[in-house]
């Protein structure tokens, strides 16, 4: 599954979701895509990323949007 490429480590980028433990956040890649940067341009800018990493970013973002967060109610 692509989402396994996304990691969370409090010691890396403050625990933000990153790609394969690298210091590249899901948000950074999503932002580049949202600004119209092509996959090819992103891979040129970050040569240590792989095409599957961009797929993982998109899959992770879609998965997170489908999650429901319920407020904790303490009675």
C-alpha atoms as a PDB file:
ATOM      1  CA  UNK A   1       0.000   0.000   0.000  1.00  0.00           C
ATOM      2  CA  UNK A   2       1.302   3.463  -0.909  1.00  0.00           C
ATOM      3  CA  UNK A   3       0.426   5.010   2.431  1.00  0.00           C
ATOM      4  CA  UNK A   4       3.162   2.973   4.137  1.00  0.00           C
ATOM      5  CA  UNK A   5       5.671   5.393   2.607  1.00  0.00           C
ATOM      6  CA  UNK A   6       4.300   8.139   4.870  1.00  0.00           C
ATOM      7  CA  UNK A   7       5.938   8.264   8.291  1.00  0.00           C
ATOM      8  CA  UNK A   8       5.389  10.150  11.539  1.00  0.00           C
ATOM      9  CA  UNK A   9       8.376  10.688  13.809  1.00  0.00           C
ATOM     10  CA  UNK A  10       8.396  13.360  16.536  1.00  0.00           C
ATOM     11  CA  UNK A  11      12.129  13.804  15.901  1.00  0.00           C
ATOM     12  CA  UNK A  12      11.620  14.606  12.207  1.00  0.00           C
ATOM     13  CA  UNK A  13       9.854  17.827  11.200  1.00  0.00           C
ATOM     14  CA  UNK A  14       8.028  17.984  14.521  1.00  0.00           C
ATOM     15  CA  UNK A  15       6.089  14.800  13.835  1.00  0.00           C
ATOM     16  CA  UNK A  16       4.429  16.076  10.664  1.00  0.00           C
ATOM     17  CA  UNK A  17       3.703  13.359   8.106  1.00  0.00           C
ATOM     18  CA  UNK A  18       6.835  12.923   5.993  1.00  0.00           C
ATOM     19  CA  UNK A  19       7.867  10.813   3.053  1.00  0.00           C
ATOM     20  CA  UNK A  20       9.884   7.735   4.054  1.00  0.00           C
ATOM     21  CA  UNK A  21      11.350   9.451   7.118  1.00  0.00           C
ATOM     22  CA  UNK A  22      12.927  12.159   4.971  1.00  0.00           C
ATOM     23  CA  UNK A  23      12.623  15.822   5.863  1.00  0.00           C
ATOM     24  CA  UNK A  24      10.036  16.355   3.129  1.00  0.00           C
ATOM     25  CA  UNK A  25       6.510  16.753   4.429  1.00  0.00           C
ATOM     26  CA  UNK A  26       3.297  15.615   2.824  1.00  0.00           C
ATOM     27  CA  UNK A  27       2.131  19.227   3.057  1.00  0.00           C
ATOM     28  CA  UNK A  28       5.139  20.518   1.135  1.00  0.00           C
ATOM     29  CA  UNK A  29       4.545  18.156  -1.774  1.00  0.00           C
ATOM     30  CA  UNK A  30       0.791  18.800  -1.753  1.00  0.00           C
ATOM     31  CA  UNK A  31       1.489  22.518  -1.810  1.00  0.00           C
ATOM     32  CA  UNK A  32       3.759  22.171  -4.817  1.00  0.00           C
ATOM     33  CA  UNK A  33       1.152  20.122  -6.660  1.00  0.00           C
ATOM     34  CA  UNK A  34      -1.545  22.662  -5.749  1.00  0.00           C
ATOM     35  CA  UNK A  35       0.619  25.458  -7.184  1.00  0.00           C
ATOM     36  CA  UNK A  36       0.760  23.628 -10.494  1.00  0.00           C
ATOM     37  CA  UNK A  37       4.204  22.077 -10.231  1.00  0.00           C
ATOM     38  CA  UNK A  38       4.441  18.876 -12.241  1.00  0.00           C
ATOM     39  CA  UNK A  39       5.488  15.570 -10.774  1.00  0.00           C
ATOM     40  CA  UNK A  40       8.576  15.708 -12.972  1.00  0.00           C
ATOM     41  CA  UNK A  41       9.547  19.143 -11.600  1.00  0.00           C
ATOM     42  CA  UNK A  42       9.061  17.988  -8.011  1.00  0.00           C
ATOM     43  CA  UNK A  43      11.220  14.927  -8.636  1.00  0.00           C
ATOM     44  CA  UNK A  44      13.917  17.156 -10.156  1.00  0.00           C
ATOM     45  CA  UNK A  45      13.829  19.476  -7.144  1.00  0.00           C
ATOM     46  CA  UNK A  46      13.955  16.532  -4.719  1.00  0.00           C
ATOM     47  CA  UNK A  47      16.070  13.887  -6.489  1.00  0.00           C
ATOM     48  CA  UNK A  48      15.855  11.502  -3.528  1.00  0.00           C
ATOM     49  CA  UNK A  49      12.078  11.200  -3.968  1.00  0.00           C
ATOM     50  CA  UNK A  50      10.546   8.499  -6.133  1.00  0.00           C
ATOM     51  CA  UNK A  51       7.403   8.668  -8.291  1.00  0.00           C
ATOM     52  CA  UNK A  52       5.697   6.324  -5.812  1.00  0.00           C
ATOM     53  CA  UNK A  53       6.277   8.920  -3.083  1.00  0.00           C
ATOM     54  CA  UNK A  54       4.044  11.417  -4.875  1.00  0.00           C
ATOM     55  CA  UNK A  55       1.379   8.750  -5.259  1.00  0.00           C
ATOM     56  CA  UNK A  56       1.682   8.062  -1.530  1.00  0.00           C
ATOM     57  CA  UNK A  57       1.247  11.761  -0.709  1.00  0.00           C
ATOM     58  CA  UNK A  58      -1.986  11.891  -2.708  1.00  0.00           C
ATOM     59  CA  UNK A  59      -3.267   8.627  -1.224  1.00  0.00           C
ATOM     60  CA  UNK A  60      -2.465   9.834   2.299  1.00  0.00           C
ATOM     61  CA  UNK A  61      -4.225  13.163   1.737  1.00  0.00           C
ATOM     62  CA  UNK A  62      -7.315  11.405   0.384  1.00  0.00           C
ATOM     63  CA  UNK A  63      -7.320   8.998   3.328  1.00  0.00           C
ATOM     64  CA  UNK A  64      -7.018  11.842   5.857  1.00  0.00           C
ATOM     65  CA  UNK A  65      -9.921  13.697   4.264  1.00  0.00           C
ATOM     66  CA  UNK A  66     -12.119  10.645   4.698  1.00  0.00           C
ATOM     67  CA  UNK A  67     -11.341  10.310   8.407  1.00  0.00           C
ATOM     68  CA  UNK A  68     -13.784  11.752  10.893  1.00  0.00           C
ATOM     69  CA  UNK A  69     -12.513  13.474  13.950  1.00  0.00           C
ATOM     70  CA  UNK A  70     -14.941  13.477  16.831  1.00  0.00           C
ATOM     71  CA  UNK A  71     -14.422  15.854  19.748  1.00  0.00           C
ATOM     72  CA  UNK A  72     -13.697  14.181  23.042  1.00  0.00           C
ATOM     73  CA  UNK A  73     -16.591  14.832  25.397  1.00  0.00           C
ATOM     74  CA  UNK A  74     -15.828  14.377  29.073  1.00  0.00           C
ATOM     75  CA  UNK A  75     -18.956  14.034  31.160  1.00  0.00           C
END
